[in-house]
C-alpha atoms as a PDB file:
ATOM      1  CA  MET A   1     -16.595 108.333 260.386  1.00  0.00           C
ATOM      2  CA  LYS A   2     -13.731 109.140 258.024  1.00  0.00           C
ATOM      3  CA  TYR A   3     -13.339 107.394 254.673  1.00  0.00           C
ATOM      4  CA  ARG A   4     -10.221 107.285 252.492  1.00  0.00           C
ATOM      5  CA  VAL A   5     -11.183 107.607 248.825  1.00  0.00           C
ATOM      6  CA  GLY A   6      -8.848 106.581 246.006  1.00  0.00           C
ATOM      7  CA  THR A   7      -8.866 108.384 242.676  1.00  0.00           C
ATOM      8  CA  ARG A   8      -6.579 109.444 239.873  1.00  0.00           C
ATOM      9  CA  GLY A   9      -5.029 112.903 240.026  1.00  0.00           C
ATOM     10  CA  SER A  10      -6.314 114.517 236.838  1.00  0.00           C
ATOM     11  CA  LYS A  11      -8.616 117.527 237.111  1.00  0.00           C
ATOM     12  CA  LEU A  12     -11.393 115.422 235.605  1.00  0.00           C
ATOM     13  CA  ALA A  13     -10.938 112.525 238.049  1.00  0.00           C
ATOM     14  CA  LEU A  14     -10.854 114.933 240.990  1.00  0.00           C
ATOM     15  CA  ALA A  15     -13.962 116.779 239.747  1.00  0.00           C
ATOM     16  CA  GLN A  16     -15.807 113.478 239.378  1.00  0.00           C
ATOM     17  CA  THR A  17     -14.686 112.383 242.847  1.00  0.00           C
ATOM     18  CA  GLU A  18     -15.891 115.669 244.380  1.00  0.00           C
ATOM     19  CA  GLU A  19     -19.220 115.183 242.602  1.00  0.00           C
ATOM     20  CA  VAL A  20     -19.581 111.696 244.123  1.00  0.00           C
ATOM     21  CA  LEU A  21     -18.488 112.860 247.587  1.00  0.00           C
ATOM     22  CA  ASN A  22     -21.031 115.691 247.541  1.00  0.00           C
ATOM     23  CA  LEU A  23     -23.752 113.107 246.873  1.00  0.00           C
ATOM     24  CA  LEU A  24     -22.436 110.871 249.673  1.00  0.00           C
ATOM     25  CA  LYS A  25     -22.297 113.770 252.159  1.00  0.00           C
ATOM     26  CA  LYS A  26     -26.032 114.269 251.618  1.00  0.00           C
ATOM     27  CA  GLU A  27     -26.686 110.577 252.333  1.00  0.00           C
ATOM     28  CA  ILE A  28     -24.212 110.143 255.222  1.00  0.00           C
ATOM     29  CA  PRO A  29     -24.393 113.275 257.408  1.00  0.00           C
ATOM     30  CA  GLY A  30     -21.230 113.843 259.407  1.00  0.00           C
ATOM     31  CA  ALA A  31     -19.082 111.585 257.242  1.00  0.00           C
ATOM     32  CA  GLU A  32     -15.614 112.843 256.397  1.00  0.00           C
ATOM     33  CA  PHE A  33     -13.678 111.954 253.281  1.00  0.00           C
ATOM     34  CA  GLU A  34      -9.964 112.075 252.575  1.00  0.00           C
ATOM     35  CA  ILE A  35      -9.061 111.995 248.884  1.00  0.00           C
ATOM     36  CA  VAL A  36      -6.019 109.829 248.174  1.00  0.00           C
ATOM     37  CA  VAL A  37      -4.578 110.608 244.741  1.00  0.00           C
ATOM     38  CA  MET A  38      -3.023 107.593 243.057  1.00  0.00           C
ATOM     39  CA  ARG A  39      -1.191 107.021 239.785  1.00  0.00           C
ATOM     40  CA  THR A  40      -2.173 104.191 237.481  1.00  0.00           C
ATOM     41  CA  ARG A  41      -0.421 102.530 234.587  1.00  0.00           C
ATOM     42  CA  GLY A  42      -2.589 104.627 232.260  1.00  0.00           C
ATOM     43  CA  ASP A  43      -1.204 107.796 233.843  1.00  0.00           C
ATOM     44  CA  VAL A  44       2.395 106.657 233.404  1.00  0.00           C
ATOM     45  CA  ASP A  45       2.351 104.804 230.061  1.00  0.00           C
ATOM     46  CA  LEU A  46       1.414 107.459 227.504  1.00  0.00           C
ATOM     47  CA  LYS A  47       1.512 105.229 224.429  1.00  0.00           C
ATOM     48  CA  THR A  48      -1.572 105.304 222.230  1.00  0.00           C
ATOM     49  CA  LEU A  49      -4.277 103.345 224.042  1.00  0.00           C
ATOM     50  CA  TYR A  50      -4.931 100.851 221.275  1.00  0.00           C
ATOM     51  CA  MET A  51      -1.207  99.993 221.160  1.00  0.00           C
ATOM     52  CA  ILE A  52      -1.035  98.780 224.773  1.00  0.00           C
ATOM     53  CA  GLU A  53      -2.920  96.223 226.839  1.00  0.00           C
ATOM     54  CA  SER A  54      -5.493  98.636 228.198  1.00  0.00           C
ATOM     55  CA  LYS A  55      -7.749  96.361 230.278  1.00  0.00           C
ATOM     56  CA  GLY A  56      -7.691  97.808 233.788  1.00  0.00           C
ATOM     57  CA  ILE A  57      -5.086 100.407 232.826  1.00  0.00           C
ATOM     58  CA  PHE A  58      -6.836 103.224 234.730  1.00  0.00           C
ATOM     59  CA  GLU A  59      -8.106 101.325 237.756  1.00  0.00           C
ATOM     60  CA  ARG A  60      -6.013  98.273 238.662  1.00  0.00           C
ATOM     61  CA  GLU A  61      -3.604 100.014 241.075  1.00  0.00           C
ATOM     62  CA  ILE A  62      -6.426 101.864 242.817  1.00  0.00           C
ATOM     63  CA  ASN A  63      -8.556  98.744 243.228  1.00  0.00           C
ATOM     64  CA  SER A  64      -5.519  96.884 244.588  1.00  0.00           C
ATOM     65  CA  ALA A  65      -5.229  99.603 247.256  1.00  0.00           C
ATOM     66  CA  VAL A  66      -8.866  98.892 248.244  1.00  0.00           C
ATOM     67  CA  GLU A  67      -8.087  95.168 248.497  1.00  0.00           C
ATOM     68  CA  ARG A  68      -5.030  95.895 250.691  1.00  0.00           C
ATOM     69  CA  GLY A  69      -7.127  98.147 252.979  1.00  0.00           C
ATOM     70  CA  GLU A  70      -5.096 101.276 252.161  1.00  0.00           C
ATOM     71  CA  ILE A  71      -8.251 103.087 251.026  1.00  0.00           C
ATOM     72  CA  ASP A  72     -11.920 102.412 251.754  1.00  0.00           C
ATOM     73  CA  PHE A  73     -13.300 102.837 248.249  1.00  0.00           C
ATOM     74  CA  ALA A  74     -12.465 104.239 244.840  1.00  0.00           C
ATOM     75  CA  VAL A  75     -14.128 106.532 242.340  1.00  0.00           C
ATOM     76  CA  HIS A  76     -13.667 105.547 238.691  1.00  0.00           C
ATOM     77  CA  SER A  77     -15.114 106.479 235.331  1.00  0.00           C
ATOM     78  CA  MET A  78     -17.460 103.618 234.497  1.00  0.00           C
ATOM     79  CA  LYS A  79     -16.086 103.416 230.957  1.00  0.00           C
ATOM     80  CA  ASP A  80     -12.609 102.642 232.345  1.00  0.00           C
ATOM     81  CA  LEU A  81     -13.715  99.582 234.309  1.00  0.00           C
ATOM     82  CA  PRO A  82     -13.131  96.152 232.807  1.00  0.00           C
ATOM     83  CA  THR A  83     -16.194  93.970 232.350  1.00  0.00           C
ATOM     84  CA  SER A  84     -15.157  91.803 235.297  1.00  0.00           C
ATOM     85  CA  ILE A  85     -13.682  93.121 238.543  1.00  0.00           C
ATOM     86  CA  GLU A  86     -13.162  91.510 241.939  1.00  0.00           C
ATOM     87  CA  LEU A  87     -14.728  94.400 243.877  1.00  0.00           C
ATOM     88  CA  ALA A  88     -18.364  95.472 244.084  1.00  0.00           C
ATOM     89  CA  ILE A  89     -19.656  98.504 242.232  1.00  0.00           C
ATOM     90  CA  ALA A  90     -21.364 100.067 245.236  1.00  0.00           C
ATOM     91  CA  ALA A  91     -22.960 103.075 243.550  1.00  0.00           C
ATOM     92  CA  VAL A  92     -23.384 104.727 240.177  1.00  0.00           C
ATOM     93  CA  PRO A  93     -24.169 108.458 240.198  1.00  0.00           C
ATOM     94  CA  PRO A  94     -26.595 110.032 237.720  1.00  0.00           C
ATOM     95  CA  ARG A  95     -25.235 109.922 234.200  1.00  0.00           C
ATOM     96  CA  ARG A  96     -24.063 113.056 232.441  1.00  0.00           C
ATOM     97  CA  SER A  97     -24.118 113.427 228.658  1.00  0.00           C
ATOM     98  CA  PRO A  98     -22.932 110.204 226.993  1.00  0.00           C
ATOM     99  CA  TYR A  99     -21.992 111.969 223.756  1.00  0.00           C
ATOM    100  CA  ASP A 100     -18.682 112.887 222.196  1.00  0.00           C
ATOM    101  CA  VAL A 101     -17.941 116.401 220.978  1.00  0.00           C
ATOM    102  CA  ILE A 102     -15.725 117.484 218.118  1.00  0.00           C
ATOM    103  CA  VAL A 103     -13.855 120.558 219.354  1.00  0.00           C
ATOM    104  CA  THR A 104     -12.436 123.032 216.850  1.00  0.00           C
ATOM    105  CA  ARG A 105     -10.810 126.433 217.146  1.00  0.00           C
ATOM    106  CA  ASP A 106     -13.721 128.132 215.350  1.00  0.00           C
ATOM    107  CA  GLY A 107     -16.642 126.010 216.562  1.00  0.00           C
ATOM    108  CA  SER A 108     -17.284 124.303 213.236  1.00  0.00           C
ATOM    109  CA  GLY A 109     -18.716 120.810 213.253  1.00  0.00           C
ATOM    110  CA  ILE A 110     -17.533 117.618 211.642  1.00  0.00           C
ATOM    111  CA  ALA A 111     -19.312 118.364 208.348  1.00  0.00           C
ATOM    112  CA  GLU A 112     -17.575 121.745 208.016  1.00  0.00           C
ATOM    113  CA  LEU A 113     -14.028 120.468 208.533  1.00  0.00           C
ATOM    114  CA  PRO A 114     -11.890 120.839 205.403  1.00  0.00           C
ATOM    115  CA  ARG A 115     -11.024 117.746 203.395  1.00  0.00           C
ATOM    116  CA  GLY A 116      -8.039 115.989 204.985  1.00  0.00           C
ATOM    117  CA  ALA A 117      -8.459 117.820 208.302  1.00  0.00           C
ATOM    118  CA  ARG A 118      -6.302 116.501 211.140  1.00  0.00           C
ATOM    119  CA  VAL A 119      -8.426 115.247 214.062  1.00  0.00           C
ATOM    120  CA  GLY A 120      -6.896 114.079 217.347  1.00  0.00           C
ATOM    121  CA  THR A 121      -8.096 111.078 219.370  1.00  0.00           C
ATOM    122  CA  SER A 122      -6.628 107.791 220.567  1.00  0.00           C
ATOM    123  CA  SER A 123      -9.844 105.814 221.004  1.00  0.00           C
ATOM    124  CA  MET A 124     -10.371 103.009 218.466  1.00  0.00           C
ATOM    125  CA  ARG A 125     -14.129 103.535 218.814  1.00  0.00           C
ATOM    126  CA  ARG A 126     -13.811 107.213 217.943  1.00  0.00           C
ATOM    127  CA  ILE A 127     -11.345 106.535 215.121  1.00  0.00           C
ATOM    128  CA  SER A 128     -13.752 104.009 213.564  1.00  0.00           C
ATOM    129  CA  HIS A 129     -16.679 106.417 213.755  1.00  0.00           C
ATOM    130  CA  LEU A 130     -14.659 109.332 212.382  1.00  0.00           C
ATOM    131  CA  LYS A 131     -13.467 107.230 209.441  1.00  0.00           C
ATOM    132  CA  TYR A 132     -17.036 106.081 208.780  1.00  0.00           C
ATOM    133  CA  LEU A 133     -18.472 109.605 208.940  1.00  0.00           C
ATOM    134  CA  ARG A 134     -15.583 111.302 207.132  1.00  0.00           C
ATOM    135  CA  PRO A 135     -13.171 108.875 205.397  1.00  0.00           C
ATOM    136  CA  ASP A 136     -11.061 111.826 204.222  1.00  0.00           C
ATOM    137  CA  LEU A 137     -10.047 112.889 207.738  1.00  0.00           C
ATOM    138  CA  GLU A 138      -6.527 112.257 209.005  1.00  0.00           C
ATOM    139  CA  VAL A 139      -6.818 110.861 212.516  1.00  0.00           C
ATOM    140  CA  VAL A 140      -3.853 111.754 214.731  1.00  0.00           C
ATOM    141  CA  PRO A 141      -3.286 109.747 217.938  1.00  0.00           C
ATOM    142  CA  ILE A 142      -3.240 111.957 221.053  1.00  0.00           C
ATOM    143  CA  ARG A 143      -3.184 111.126 224.766  1.00  0.00           C
ATOM    144  CA  GLY A 144      -3.378 113.112 227.950  1.00  0.00           C
ATOM    145  CA  ASN A 145      -5.886 114.734 230.243  1.00  0.00           C
ATOM    146  CA  VAL A 146      -8.546 117.054 228.829  1.00  0.00           C
ATOM    147  CA  ASP A 147      -6.416 120.201 229.276  1.00  0.00           C
ATOM    148  CA  THR A 148      -3.481 118.568 227.485  1.00  0.00           C
ATOM    149  CA  ARG A 149      -5.680 117.435 224.606  1.00  0.00           C
ATOM    150  CA  LEU A 150      -7.230 120.896 224.276  1.00  0.00           C
ATOM    151  CA  ARG A 151      -3.737 122.415 224.047  1.00  0.00           C
ATOM    152  CA  LYS A 152      -2.923 119.978 221.236  1.00  0.00           C
ATOM    153  CA  LEU A 153      -5.708 121.651 219.254  1.00  0.00           C
ATOM    154  CA  GLU A 154      -3.133 124.333 218.364  1.00  0.00           C
ATOM    155  CA  ASN A 155      -1.533 121.849 215.928  1.00  0.00           C
ATOM    156  CA  LEU A 156      -4.711 120.070 214.821  1.00  0.00           C
ATOM    157  CA  ASP A 157      -7.953 121.030 213.113  1.00  0.00           C
ATOM    158  CA  ALA A 158     -10.080 119.291 215.754  1.00  0.00           C
ATOM    159  CA  ILE A 159     -10.069 116.876 218.670  1.00  0.00           C
ATOM    160  CA  VAL A 160     -12.784 114.566 219.983  1.00  0.00           C
ATOM    161  CA  VAL A 161     -13.571 114.550 223.714  1.00  0.00           C
ATOM    162  CA  ALA A 162     -16.415 113.365 225.926  1.00  0.00           C
ATOM    163  CA  GLU A 163     -19.070 116.019 226.453  1.00  0.00           C
ATOM    164  CA  ALA A 164     -19.362 114.909 230.098  1.00  0.00           C
ATOM    165  CA  ALA A 165     -15.689 115.774 230.647  1.00  0.00           C
ATOM    166  CA  LEU A 166     -16.271 119.303 229.367  1.00  0.00           C
ATOM    167  CA  GLU A 167     -19.369 119.592 231.599  1.00  0.00           C
ATOM    168  CA  ARG A 168     -17.604 118.344 234.740  1.00  0.00           C
ATOM    169  CA  LEU A 169     -14.699 120.735 234.225  1.00  0.00           C
ATOM    170  CA  ASN A 170     -17.003 123.650 233.325  1.00  0.00           C
ATOM    171  CA  LEU A 171     -15.082 124.186 230.089  1.00  0.00           C
ATOM    172  CA  ASN A 172     -16.688 126.420 227.516  1.00  0.00           C
ATOM    173  CA  VAL A 173     -15.112 125.345 224.244  1.00  0.00           C
ATOM    174  CA  LYS A 174     -16.186 125.647 220.633  1.00  0.00           C
ATOM    175  CA  GLY A 175     -17.475 122.405 219.279  1.00  0.00           C
ATOM    176  CA  GLU A 176     -20.367 120.260 218.202  1.00  0.00           C
ATOM    177  CA  ARG A 177     -21.927 117.123 219.654  1.00  0.00           C
ATOM    178  CA  ILE A 178     -21.491 114.124 217.335  1.00  0.00           C
ATOM    179  CA  GLU A 179     -24.801 112.329 217.770  1.00  0.00           C
ATOM    180  CA  GLU A 180     -23.927 109.761 215.073  1.00  0.00           C
ATOM    181  CA  MET A 181     -21.020 108.492 217.197  1.00  0.00           C
ATOM    182  CA  THR A 182     -21.947 105.627 219.526  1.00  0.00           C
ATOM    183  CA  PRO A 183     -20.729 106.456 223.055  1.00  0.00           C
ATOM    184  CA  ALA A 184     -18.480 104.131 225.010  1.00  0.00           C
ATOM    185  CA  ALA A 185     -20.332 101.853 227.419  1.00  0.00           C
ATOM    186  CA  GLY A 186     -20.682 103.772 230.682  1.00  0.00           C
ATOM    187  CA  GLN A 187     -19.538 107.084 229.175  1.00  0.00           C
ATOM    188  CA  GLY A 188     -21.082 110.103 230.836  1.00  0.00           C
END
């Protein structure tokens, strides 16, 4: 049987989808999967996340395609799902690291950043934790996929990204896990 699988088109979304499909292939021998890349409002509207209505911003269009029968199922990051959805969550793969990482050009951690260092993130949760841990930091809003955010490090002292994203993309970057930062629900 062939299944059509909806996902976003970022490298991270595609890597996560491949990870899920590899698990499914072990459970459903002979199954075939066609990946259908879809764009969501979150891919198009690049305003800072906390400045837009973000509920369902990364999944609504894909889930609507499931409801219309255009695809059979979708693969999402759990942290992007709203607390209430019309569809069933059929499976949750093993969790990767739930932690955030502060990435710097030289590998220094949050404690070693100079006073007033510019740190990029657009997550209100991360901003709150950064300001609690280091009130002197200047938080700069950034958006984009992981590659885009890593490139923005050229003009910043640090950025904060999910450790699981770095793992899934096999990126070897200089940084430090921030264990004092509470992860997003479902992150990893």
